[in-house]
């Protein structure tokens, strides 16, 4: 349990340090992301981005568990 928490903490720190470069990636604006803008309402559902992140996290976790 403690090893998992340390790994999660290190991942959060790494994301925080890399944030200036990660924010420039086109994640969230991929084809397949649903964006509906009306007068007073904006609905945003990044389905393609969520699938891509899920696949990448699954591959990373699979590699760590090998």
PDB file of N, CA and C in Angstrom:
ATOM      1  N   UNK A   1       0.818  -1.193   0.000  1.00  0.00           N
ATOM      2  CA  UNK A   1       0.000   0.000   0.000  1.00  0.00           C
ATOM      3  C   UNK A   1       0.862   1.258   0.000  1.00  0.00           C
ATOM      4  N   UNK A   2       1.905   1.289   0.823  1.00  0.00           N
ATOM      5  CA  UNK A   2       2.744   2.482   0.893  1.00  0.00           C
ATOM      6  C   UNK A   2       3.525   2.696  -0.406  1.00  0.00           C
ATOM      7  N   UNK A   3       3.926   1.600  -1.047  1.00  0.00           N
ATOM      8  CA  UNK A   3       4.640   1.720  -2.320  1.00  0.00           C
ATOM      9  C   UNK A   3       3.739   2.355  -3.375  1.00  0.00           C
ATOM     10  N   UNK A   4       2.482   1.967  -3.389  1.00  0.00           N
ATOM     11  CA  UNK A   4       1.520   2.527  -4.340  1.00  0.00           C
ATOM     12  C   UNK A   4       1.331   4.015  -4.092  1.00  0.00           C
ATOM     13  N   UNK A   5       1.211   4.420  -2.837  1.00  0.00           N
ATOM     14  CA  UNK A   5       1.037   5.835  -2.516  1.00  0.00           C
ATOM     15  C   UNK A   5       2.263   6.657  -2.911  1.00  0.00           C
ATOM     16  N   UNK A   6       3.446   6.097  -2.730  1.00  0.00           N
ATOM     17  CA  UNK A   6       4.664   6.803  -3.129  1.00  0.00           C
ATOM     18  C   UNK A   6       4.700   6.970  -4.644  1.00  0.00           C
ATOM     19  N   UNK A   7       4.345   5.943  -5.377  1.00  0.00           N
ATOM     20  CA  UNK A   7       4.336   6.019  -6.841  1.00  0.00           C
ATOM     21  C   UNK A   7       3.313   7.039  -7.317  1.00  0.00           C
ATOM     22  N   UNK A   8       2.132   7.045  -6.718  1.00  0.00           N
ATOM     23  CA  UNK A   8       1.105   8.026  -7.092  1.00  0.00           C
ATOM     24  C   UNK A   8       1.594   9.436  -6.781  1.00  0.00           C
ATOM     25  N   UNK A   9       2.226   9.619  -5.630  1.00  0.00           N
ATOM     26  CA  UNK A   9       2.763  10.932  -5.271  1.00  0.00           C
ATOM     27  C   UNK A   9       3.834  11.398  -6.239  1.00  0.00           C
ATOM     28  N   UNK A  10       4.735  10.503  -6.616  1.00  0.00           N
ATOM     29  CA  UNK A  10       5.775  10.859  -7.580  1.00  0.00           C
ATOM     30  C   UNK A  10       5.181  11.189  -8.952  1.00  0.00           C
ATOM     31  N   UNK A  11       4.130  10.475  -9.336  1.00  0.00           N
ATOM     32  CA  UNK A  11       3.466  10.761 -10.610  1.00  0.00           C
ATOM     33  C   UNK A  11       2.822  12.145 -10.583  1.00  0.00           C
ATOM     34  N   UNK A  12       2.202  12.504  -9.463  1.00  0.00           N
ATOM     35  CA  UNK A  12       1.590  13.824  -9.351  1.00  0.00           C
ATOM     36  C   UNK A  12       2.650  14.920  -9.412  1.00  0.00           C
ATOM     37  N   UNK A  13       3.781  14.709  -8.743  1.00  0.00           N
ATOM     38  CA  UNK A  13       4.875  15.681  -8.789  1.00  0.00           C
ATOM     39  C   UNK A  13       5.421  15.806 -10.212  1.00  0.00           C
ATOM     40  N   UNK A  14       5.581  14.685 -10.895  1.00  0.00           N
ATOM     41  CA  UNK A  14       6.099  14.716 -12.267  1.00  0.00           C
ATOM     42  C   UNK A  14       5.141  15.459 -13.196  1.00  0.00           C
ATOM     43  N   UNK A  15       3.857  15.219 -13.049  1.00  0.00           N
ATOM     44  CA  UNK A  15       2.871  15.927 -13.876  1.00  0.00           C
ATOM     45  C   UNK A  15       2.911  17.418 -13.577  1.00  0.00           C
ATOM     46  N   UNK A  16       3.048  17.763 -12.308  1.00  0.00           N
ATOM     47  CA  UNK A  16       3.134  19.170 -11.937  1.00  0.00           C
ATOM     48  C   UNK A  16       4.355  19.859 -12.530  1.00  0.00           C
ATOM     49  N   UNK A  17       5.483  19.175 -12.543  1.00  0.00           N
ATOM     50  CA  UNK A  17       6.693  19.754 -13.114  1.00  0.00           C
ATOM     51  C   UNK A  17       6.630  19.851 -14.639  1.00  0.00           C
ATOM     52  N   UNK A  18       5.948  18.903 -15.256  1.00  0.00           N
ATOM     53  CA  UNK A  18       5.856  18.885 -16.720  1.00  0.00           C
ATOM     54  C   UNK A  18       4.647  19.647 -17.259  1.00  0.00           C
ATOM     55  N   UNK A  19       3.861  20.259 -16.374  1.00  0.00           N
ATOM     56  CA  UNK A  19       2.608  20.894 -16.787  1.00  0.00           C
ATOM     57  C   UNK A  19       2.774  21.952 -17.880  1.00  0.00           C
ATOM     58  N   UNK A  20       3.810  22.810 -17.847  1.00  0.00           N
ATOM     59  CA  UNK A  20       3.944  23.799 -18.925  1.00  0.00           C
ATOM     60  C   UNK A  20       4.018  23.161 -20.319  1.00  0.00           C
ATOM     61  N   UNK A  21       4.628  22.005 -20.423  1.00  0.00           N
ATOM     62  CA  UNK A  21       4.727  21.330 -21.725  1.00  0.00           C
ATOM     63  C   UNK A  21       3.502  20.478 -22.002  1.00  0.00           C
ATOM     64  N   UNK A  22       2.918  19.880 -20.976  1.00  0.00           N
ATOM     65  CA  UNK A  22       1.732  19.043 -21.169  1.00  0.00           C
ATOM     66  C   UNK A  22       0.517  19.865 -21.593  1.00  0.00           C
ATOM     67  N   UNK A  23       0.443  21.116 -21.139  1.00  0.00           N
ATOM     68  CA  UNK A  23      -0.706  21.946 -21.483  1.00  0.00           C
ATOM     69  C   UNK A  23      -0.703  22.355 -22.956  1.00  0.00           C
ATOM     70  N   UNK A  24       0.432  22.223 -23.630  1.00  0.00           N
ATOM     71  CA  UNK A  24       0.516  22.565 -25.051  1.00  0.00           C
ATOM     72  C   UNK A  24       0.061  21.423 -25.960  1.00  0.00           C
ATOM     73  N   UNK A  25      -0.113  20.222 -25.398  1.00  0.00           N
ATOM     74  CA  UNK A  25      -0.588  19.095 -26.190  1.00  0.00           C
ATOM     75  C   UNK A  25      -2.048  19.320 -26.577  1.00  0.00           C
ATOM     76  N   UNK A  26      -2.486  18.770 -27.707  1.00  0.00           N
ATOM     77  CA  UNK A  26      -3.862  19.014 -28.151  1.00  0.00           C
ATOM     78  C   UNK A  26      -4.905  18.155 -27.432  1.00  0.00           C
ATOM     79  N   UNK A  27      -4.577  17.626 -26.254  1.00  0.00           N
ATOM     80  CA  UNK A  27      -5.561  16.820 -25.530  1.00  0.00           C
ATOM     81  C   UNK A  27      -6.751  17.691 -25.153  1.00  0.00           C
ATOM     82  N   UNK A  28      -7.931  17.165 -25.365  1.00  0.00           N
ATOM     83  CA  UNK A  28      -9.134  17.923 -25.092  1.00  0.00           C
ATOM     84  C   UNK A  28      -9.711  18.575 -26.330  1.00  0.00           C
ATOM     85  N   UNK A  29      -8.946  18.580 -27.403  1.00  0.00           N
ATOM     86  CA  UNK A  29      -9.419  19.157 -28.661  1.00  0.00           C
ATOM     87  C   UNK A  29      -9.235  18.174 -29.808  1.00  0.00           C
ATOM     88  N   UNK A  30      -9.364  16.906 -29.510  1.00  0.00           N
ATOM     89  CA  UNK A  30      -9.198  15.864 -30.513  1.00  0.00           C
ATOM     90  C   UNK A  30     -10.507  15.630 -31.258  1.00  0.00           C
ATOM     91  N   UNK A  31     -10.443  15.085 -32.469  1.00  0.00           N
ATOM     92  CA  UNK A  31     -11.675  14.713 -33.156  1.00  0.00           C
ATOM     93  C   UNK A  31     -12.417  13.661 -32.329  1.00  0.00           C
ATOM     94  N   UNK A  32     -13.677  13.845 -32.141  1.00  0.00           N
ATOM     95  CA  UNK A  32     -14.470  12.928 -31.337  1.00  0.00           C
ATOM     96  C   UNK A  32     -14.824  13.508 -29.984  1.00  0.00           C
ATOM     97  N   UNK A  33     -14.153  14.569 -29.562  1.00  0.00           N
ATOM     98  CA  UNK A  33     -14.528  15.261 -28.340  1.00  0.00           C
ATOM     99  C   UNK A  33     -15.784  16.083 -28.631  1.00  0.00           C
ATOM    100  N   UNK A  34     -16.759  15.973 -27.750  1.00  0.00           N
ATOM    101  CA  UNK A  34     -18.047  16.625 -27.975  1.00  0.00           C
ATOM    102  C   UNK A  34     -18.048  17.986 -27.287  1.00  0.00           C
ATOM    103  N   UNK A  35     -18.275  19.040 -28.070  1.00  0.00           N
ATOM    104  CA  UNK A  35     -18.362  20.397 -27.544  1.00  0.00           C
ATOM    105  C   UNK A  35     -19.634  21.026 -28.093  1.00  0.00           C
ATOM    106  N   UNK A  36     -20.528  21.423 -27.191  1.00  0.00           N
ATOM    107  CA  UNK A  36     -21.767  22.086 -27.573  1.00  0.00           C
ATOM    108  C   UNK A  36     -21.795  23.437 -26.879  1.00  0.00           C
ATOM    109  N   UNK A  37     -21.836  24.509 -27.670  1.00  0.00           N
ATOM    110  CA  UNK A  37     -21.880  25.863 -27.111  1.00  0.00           C
ATOM    111  C   UNK A  37     -23.189  26.519 -27.525  1.00  0.00           C
ATOM    112  N   UNK A  38     -23.915  26.977 -26.528  1.00  0.00           N
ATOM    113  CA  UNK A  38     -25.161  27.714 -26.752  1.00  0.00           C
ATOM    114  C   UNK A  38     -24.993  29.115 -26.175  1.00  0.00           C
ATOM    115  N   UNK A  39     -26.080  29.855 -26.079  1.00  0.00           N
ATOM    116  CA  UNK A  39     -26.014  31.221 -25.571  1.00  0.00           C
ATOM    117  C   UNK A  39     -25.452  31.275 -24.145  1.00  0.00           C
ATOM    118  N   UNK A  40     -26.081  30.551 -23.230  1.00  0.00           N
ATOM    119  CA  UNK A  40     -25.700  30.624 -21.821  1.00  0.00           C
ATOM    120  C   UNK A  40     -25.069  29.347 -21.292  1.00  0.00           C
ATOM    121  N   UNK A  41     -24.922  28.332 -22.153  1.00  0.00           N
ATOM    122  CA  UNK A  41     -24.470  27.032 -21.684  1.00  0.00           C
ATOM    123  C   UNK A  41     -23.377  26.504 -22.607  1.00  0.00           C
ATOM    124  N   UNK A  42     -22.378  25.898 -21.995  1.00  0.00           N
ATOM    125  CA  UNK A  42     -21.357  25.207 -22.773  1.00  0.00           C
ATOM    126  C   UNK A  42     -21.221  23.797 -22.194  1.00  0.00           C
ATOM    127  N   UNK A  43     -21.353  22.787 -23.045  1.00  0.00           N
ATOM    128  CA  UNK A  43     -21.226  21.386 -22.635  1.00  0.00           C
ATOM    129  C   UNK A  43     -20.005  20.812 -23.318  1.00  0.00           C
ATOM    130  N   UNK A  44     -19.141  20.210 -22.527  1.00  0.00           N
ATOM    131  CA  UNK A  44     -17.884  19.689 -23.039  1.00  0.00           C
ATOM    132  C   UNK A  44     -17.701  18.271 -22.534  1.00  0.00           C
ATOM    133  N   UNK A  45     -17.561  17.309 -23.446  1.00  0.00           N
ATOM    134  CA  UNK A  45     -17.374  15.910 -23.092  1.00  0.00           C
ATOM    135  C   UNK A  45     -16.224  15.342 -23.920  1.00  0.00           C
ATOM    136  N   UNK A  46     -15.007  15.271 -23.343  1.00  0.00           N
ATOM    137  CA  UNK A  46     -13.824  14.849 -24.103  1.00  0.00           C
ATOM    138  C   UNK A  46     -13.694  13.324 -24.183  1.00  0.00           C
ATOM    139  N   UNK A  47     -14.576  12.673 -24.906  1.00  0.00           N
ATOM    140  CA  UNK A  47     -14.619  11.207 -24.936  1.00  0.00           C
ATOM    141  C   UNK A  47     -13.365  10.614 -25.588  1.00  0.00           C
ATOM    142  N   UNK A  48     -12.899  11.186 -26.681  1.00  0.00           N
ATOM    143  CA  UNK A  48     -11.703  10.659 -27.347  1.00  0.00           C
ATOM    144  C   UNK A  48     -10.471  10.842 -26.478  1.00  0.00           C
ATOM    145  N   UNK A  49     -10.368  11.976 -25.823  1.00  0.00           N
ATOM    146  CA  UNK A  49      -9.242  12.229 -24.929  1.00  0.00           C
ATOM    147  C   UNK A  49      -9.252  11.254 -23.765  1.00  0.00           C
ATOM    148  N   UNK A  50     -10.421  10.982 -23.194  1.00  0.00           N
ATOM    149  CA  UNK A  50     -10.514  10.044 -22.072  1.00  0.00           C
ATOM    150  C   UNK A  50     -10.123   8.637 -22.496  1.00  0.00           C
ATOM    151  N   UNK A  51     -10.524   8.215 -23.686  1.00  0.00           N
ATOM    152  CA  UNK A  51     -10.158   6.883 -24.176  1.00  0.00           C
ATOM    153  C   UNK A  51      -8.649   6.792 -24.394  1.00  0.00           C
ATOM    154  N   UNK A  52      -8.054   7.819 -24.970  1.00  0.00           N
ATOM    155  CA  UNK A  52      -6.610   7.828 -25.211  1.00  0.00           C
ATOM    156  C   UNK A  52      -5.832   7.777 -23.898  1.00  0.00           C
ATOM    157  N   UNK A  53      -6.226   8.572 -22.918  1.00  0.00           N
ATOM    158  CA  UNK A  53      -5.556   8.569 -21.616  1.00  0.00           C
ATOM    159  C   UNK A  53      -5.734   7.223 -20.929  1.00  0.00           C
ATOM    160  N   UNK A  54      -6.908   6.620 -21.050  1.00  0.00           N
ATOM    161  CA  UNK A  54      -7.154   5.317 -20.443  1.00  0.00           C
ATOM    162  C   UNK A  54      -6.253   4.250 -21.044  1.00  0.00           C
ATOM    163  N   UNK A  55      -6.089   4.268 -22.354  1.00  0.00           N
ATOM    164  CA  UNK A  55      -5.218   3.293 -23.017  1.00  0.00           C
ATOM    165  C   UNK A  55      -3.764   3.483 -22.583  1.00  0.00           C
ATOM    166  N   UNK A  56      -3.316   4.731 -22.526  1.00  0.00           N
ATOM    167  CA  UNK A  56      -1.936   4.998 -22.107  1.00  0.00           C
ATOM    168  C   UNK A  56      -1.690   4.573 -20.666  1.00  0.00           C
ATOM    169  N   UNK A  57      -2.614   4.883 -19.765  1.00  0.00           N
ATOM    170  CA  UNK A  57      -2.456   4.470 -18.368  1.00  0.00           C
ATOM    171  C   UNK A  57      -2.493   2.951 -18.229  1.00  0.00           C
ATOM    172  N   UNK A  58      -3.341   2.298 -19.003  1.00  0.00           N
ATOM    173  CA  UNK A  58      -3.408   0.836 -18.957  1.00  0.00           C
ATOM    174  C   UNK A  58      -2.091   0.215 -19.405  1.00  0.00           C
ATOM    175  N   UNK A  59      -1.500   0.755 -20.469  1.00  0.00           N
ATOM    176  CA  UNK A  59      -0.215   0.247 -20.941  1.00  0.00           C
ATOM    177  C   UNK A  59       0.894   0.482 -19.917  1.00  0.00           C
ATOM    178  N   UNK A  60       0.909   1.652 -19.310  1.00  0.00           N
ATOM    179  CA  UNK A  60       1.940   1.952 -18.306  1.00  0.00           C
ATOM    180  C   UNK A  60       1.798   1.029 -17.107  1.00  0.00           C
ATOM    181  N   UNK A  61       0.591   0.855 -16.610  1.00  0.00           N
ATOM    182  CA  UNK A  61       0.382  -0.034 -15.461  1.00  0.00           C
ATOM    183  C   UNK A  61       0.697  -1.485 -15.811  1.00  0.00           C
ATOM    184  N   UNK A  62       0.387  -1.901 -17.030  1.00  0.00           N
ATOM    185  CA  UNK A  62       0.701  -3.255 -17.462  1.00  0.00           C
ATOM    186  C   UNK A  62       2.214  -3.475 -17.476  1.00  0.00           C
ATOM    187  N   UNK A  63       2.957  -2.458 -17.954  1.00  0.00           N
ATOM    188  CA  UNK A  63       4.411  -2.576 -17.985  1.00  0.00           C
ATOM    189  C   UNK A  63       5.011  -2.636 -16.572  1.00  0.00           C
ATOM    190  N   UNK A  64       4.446  -1.864 -15.633  1.00  0.00           N
ATOM    191  CA  UNK A  64       4.948  -1.892 -14.253  1.00  0.00           C
ATOM    192  C   UNK A  64       4.648  -3.213 -13.561  1.00  0.00           C
ATOM    193  N   UNK A  65       3.560  -3.869 -13.920  1.00  0.00           N
ATOM    194  CA  UNK A  65       3.171  -5.115 -13.266  1.00  0.00           C
ATOM    195  C   UNK A  65       3.836  -6.338 -13.877  1.00  0.00           C
ATOM    196  N   UNK A  66       4.553  -6.194 -14.975  1.00  0.00           N
ATOM    197  CA  UNK A  66       5.233  -7.337 -15.615  1.00  0.00           C
ATOM    198  C   UNK A  66       6.390  -7.795 -14.824  1.00  0.00           C
TER     199      UNK A  66
END
